[in-house]
Protein backbone atom coordinates (compact mmCIF):
# COMPACT_ATOMS: atom_id res chain seq x y z
CA MET A 1 -86.31 27.65 50.30
CA ARG A 2 -82.94 28.78 49.03
CA TRP A 3 -82.36 32.53 49.02
CA MET A 4 -81.67 34.08 45.62
CA THR A 5 -80.99 37.59 44.43
CA LYS A 6 -81.32 39.08 40.97
CA LYS A 7 -79.14 41.99 42.02
CA LYS A 8 -75.41 41.75 41.50
CA VAL A 9 -73.60 41.47 44.81
CA LYS A 10 -70.55 43.68 44.39
CA VAL A 11 -67.44 42.58 46.26
CA TYR A 12 -64.30 44.68 46.62
CA LEU A 13 -61.14 42.60 47.00
CA ILE A 14 -58.67 43.87 49.60
CA SER A 15 -55.38 42.23 48.68
CA ARG A 16 -51.89 42.86 47.46
CA ILE A 17 -51.62 43.97 43.84
CA SER A 18 -48.06 42.74 43.34
CA GLU A 19 -47.60 40.13 40.64
CA ASP A 20 -46.76 37.38 43.15
CA ALA A 21 -50.25 37.75 44.67
CA HIS A 22 -52.22 37.46 41.41
CA LEU A 23 -52.56 33.67 41.41
CA TRP A 24 -53.81 33.60 45.03
CA ASN A 25 -56.27 36.43 44.36
CA GLU A 26 -57.57 34.72 41.22
CA LYS A 27 -57.84 31.31 42.92
CA ILE A 28 -59.95 32.63 45.80
CA CYS A 29 -62.13 34.87 43.65
CA SER A 30 -62.73 32.12 41.08
CA VAL A 31 -65.18 30.43 43.49
CA LEU A 32 -67.32 33.57 43.68
CA LYS A 33 -69.87 33.10 40.90
CA ASN A 34 -73.00 34.89 39.74
CA PRO A 35 -74.61 36.94 41.29
CA ILE A 36 -71.31 37.93 42.91
CA GLU A 37 -69.16 40.32 40.94
CA VAL A 38 -65.63 40.99 42.25
CA PHE A 39 -63.57 44.13 41.71
CA MET A 40 -59.95 42.97 41.85
CA PRO A 41 -57.61 45.98 42.08
CA HIS A 42 -54.68 44.06 40.62
CA GLN A 43 -56.61 43.89 37.32
CA HIS A 44 -56.97 47.68 37.20
CA ASN A 45 -53.79 48.93 38.87
CA PRO A 46 -50.25 49.11 37.54
CA TYR A 47 -48.92 46.37 39.85
CA ASN A 48 -45.40 46.68 38.47
CA LEU A 49 -45.10 50.36 39.35
CA GLU A 50 -43.31 51.55 42.49
CA HIS A 51 -45.84 52.66 45.09
CA THR A 52 -44.17 56.09 45.29
CA LYS A 53 -44.98 56.59 41.58
CA MET A 54 -48.63 55.49 41.73
CA PRO A 55 -50.87 58.10 40.04
CA LYS A 56 -53.86 59.57 41.86
CA SER A 57 -56.18 57.99 39.28
CA VAL A 58 -55.40 54.57 40.79
CA PHE A 59 -56.57 55.78 44.21
CA ASP A 60 -59.67 57.34 42.63
CA THR A 61 -60.56 54.12 40.75
CA ASP A 62 -60.21 51.94 43.84
CA LEU A 63 -62.08 54.35 46.11
CA GLU A 64 -64.95 54.56 43.64
CA ALA A 65 -65.13 50.74 43.53
CA MET A 66 -65.14 50.67 47.35
CA LYS A 67 -68.05 53.10 47.43
CA LYS A 68 -70.04 51.08 44.88
CA CYS A 69 -69.51 47.65 46.46
CA ASP A 70 -71.75 45.84 48.93
CA ILE A 71 -69.12 43.86 50.81
CA ALA A 72 -65.32 43.63 51.13
CA LEU A 73 -63.25 40.46 50.98
CA ALA A 74 -59.71 40.67 52.37
CA LEU A 75 -56.93 38.21 51.64
CA PRO A 76 -53.97 38.58 54.02
CA GLU A 77 -51.03 38.97 54.02
CA PHE A 78 -51.02 42.60 53.02
CA GLY A 79 -49.53 46.00 53.78
CA ASN A 80 -50.44 49.57 54.56
CA ASP A 81 -52.65 50.24 51.55
CA CYS A 82 -54.87 47.27 52.35
CA SER A 83 -54.94 48.29 56.01
CA TYR A 84 -56.29 51.66 54.89
CA GLU A 85 -59.03 49.89 52.94
CA VAL A 86 -59.99 47.77 55.96
CA GLY A 87 -60.18 50.96 58.03
CA TRP A 88 -62.35 52.65 55.41
CA PHE A 89 -64.76 49.72 55.38
CA SER A 90 -64.88 49.56 59.18
CA ASN A 91 -66.34 53.07 59.14
CA SER A 92 -68.99 52.11 56.60
CA SER A 93 -72.05 49.91 56.85
CA LYS A 94 -70.45 47.41 54.48
CA PRO A 95 -69.21 44.17 56.03
CA THR A 96 -65.56 43.16 55.78
CA VAL A 97 -64.81 39.46 55.43
CA PHE A 98 -61.32 37.98 55.79
CA TYR A 99 -60.55 34.68 54.12
CA ILE A 100 -57.63 32.93 55.81
CA ASP A 101 -55.87 29.67 55.11
CA THR A 102 -52.65 29.56 57.13
CA GLN A 103 -51.64 33.26 56.93
CA MET A 104 -50.92 34.46 60.47
CA GLN A 105 -48.67 37.51 60.17
CA TRP A 106 -51.70 39.83 59.98
CA LEU A 107 -52.72 38.77 63.50
CA ARG A 108 -50.22 41.33 64.84
CA ASP A 109 -52.34 44.14 63.34
CA TRP A 110 -54.79 44.75 66.18
CA MET A 111 -56.50 47.74 64.53
CA VAL A 112 -57.12 45.69 61.38
CA LYS A 113 -58.57 42.84 63.47
CA GLY A 114 -60.81 45.31 65.25
CA GLY A 115 -62.13 46.64 61.93
CA LEU A 116 -63.22 43.40 60.35
CA ASP A 117 -66.62 41.74 60.72
CA TYR A 118 -66.07 38.09 59.71
CA VAL A 119 -63.17 35.68 59.37
CA VAL A 120 -63.68 32.62 57.20
CA THR A 121 -61.33 29.66 56.99
CA GLU A 122 -61.44 26.05 55.87
CA ASN A 123 -58.43 25.21 58.04
CA PRO A 124 -59.42 23.70 61.44
CA GLN A 125 -56.04 24.57 63.05
CA THR A 126 -56.32 28.18 61.89
CA PHE A 127 -59.89 28.29 63.19
CA GLN A 128 -58.72 27.23 66.67
CA ILE A 129 -56.04 29.96 66.68
CA LEU A 130 -58.60 32.57 65.62
CA LYS A 131 -61.00 31.50 68.40
CA GLY A 132 -58.28 32.14 70.97
CA ASP A 133 -57.39 35.63 69.72
CA PRO A 134 -58.37 38.35 72.24
CA ILE A 135 -59.96 40.54 69.54
CA LEU A 136 -61.17 38.00 66.99
CA LYS A 137 -63.04 35.94 69.57
CA HIS A 138 -65.57 38.83 69.54
CA LYS A 139 -66.00 38.64 65.76
CA LYS A 140 -67.94 36.19 63.61
CA LEU A 141 -65.59 33.28 62.90
CA LEU A 142 -66.74 30.77 60.30
CA LEU A 143 -65.23 27.37 59.52
CA ILE A 144 -66.21 26.17 56.04
CA SER A 145 -65.73 22.68 54.62
CA LYS A 146 -64.06 23.70 51.37
CA LEU A 147 -63.04 26.84 49.51
CA GLU A 148 -66.10 26.60 47.23
CA ASP A 149 -68.30 27.24 50.29
CA LEU A 150 -66.97 30.80 50.35
CA HIS A 151 -69.50 31.66 47.64
CA SER A 152 -72.57 30.77 49.71
CA THR A 153 -70.96 32.24 52.82
CA MET A 154 -70.52 35.61 51.10
CA LEU A 155 -74.12 35.53 49.84
CA ASN A 156 -75.40 34.71 53.35
CA ILE A 157 -73.38 37.59 54.83
CA TYR A 158 -74.77 39.92 52.17
CA LYS A 159 -78.30 38.69 52.81
CA SER A 160 -77.96 39.30 56.56
CA LYS A 161 -76.86 42.89 55.94
CA VAL A 162 -79.65 43.90 53.51
CA LYS A 163 -82.66 42.84 55.55
């Protein structure tokens, strides 16, 4: 019997908010359908504003969304702000899932790798690299057939955490 939930599964997207990242963010999140609801910071934050001029209200909005969500989805490559979010989630009971295609620069961030729970990819070569990583080999690494499988993968991760 297929597992279903009537509750909204709230996902917080950890990703860059710069304009050049919007299409990637939207593409990945477009496969996450009902009952998944995604908070995408780039839709709420002034992405064209210098980071040094970011008002505190942006931090407050994102932190509140992090507190209300059930699960985090990270899309590398990203910078310090996203690394903070990964760290915040690693100290919570909420799972952090990374979706990777061919992005590899983030593999240098050993504290980020230590803070995540799952890495999902549809790329067999990337999957082999992840399996050989000295930190990630201790995490849950999932190879999916196609991007659309991310939806059921996220629901299964959520289901395993709310037993």
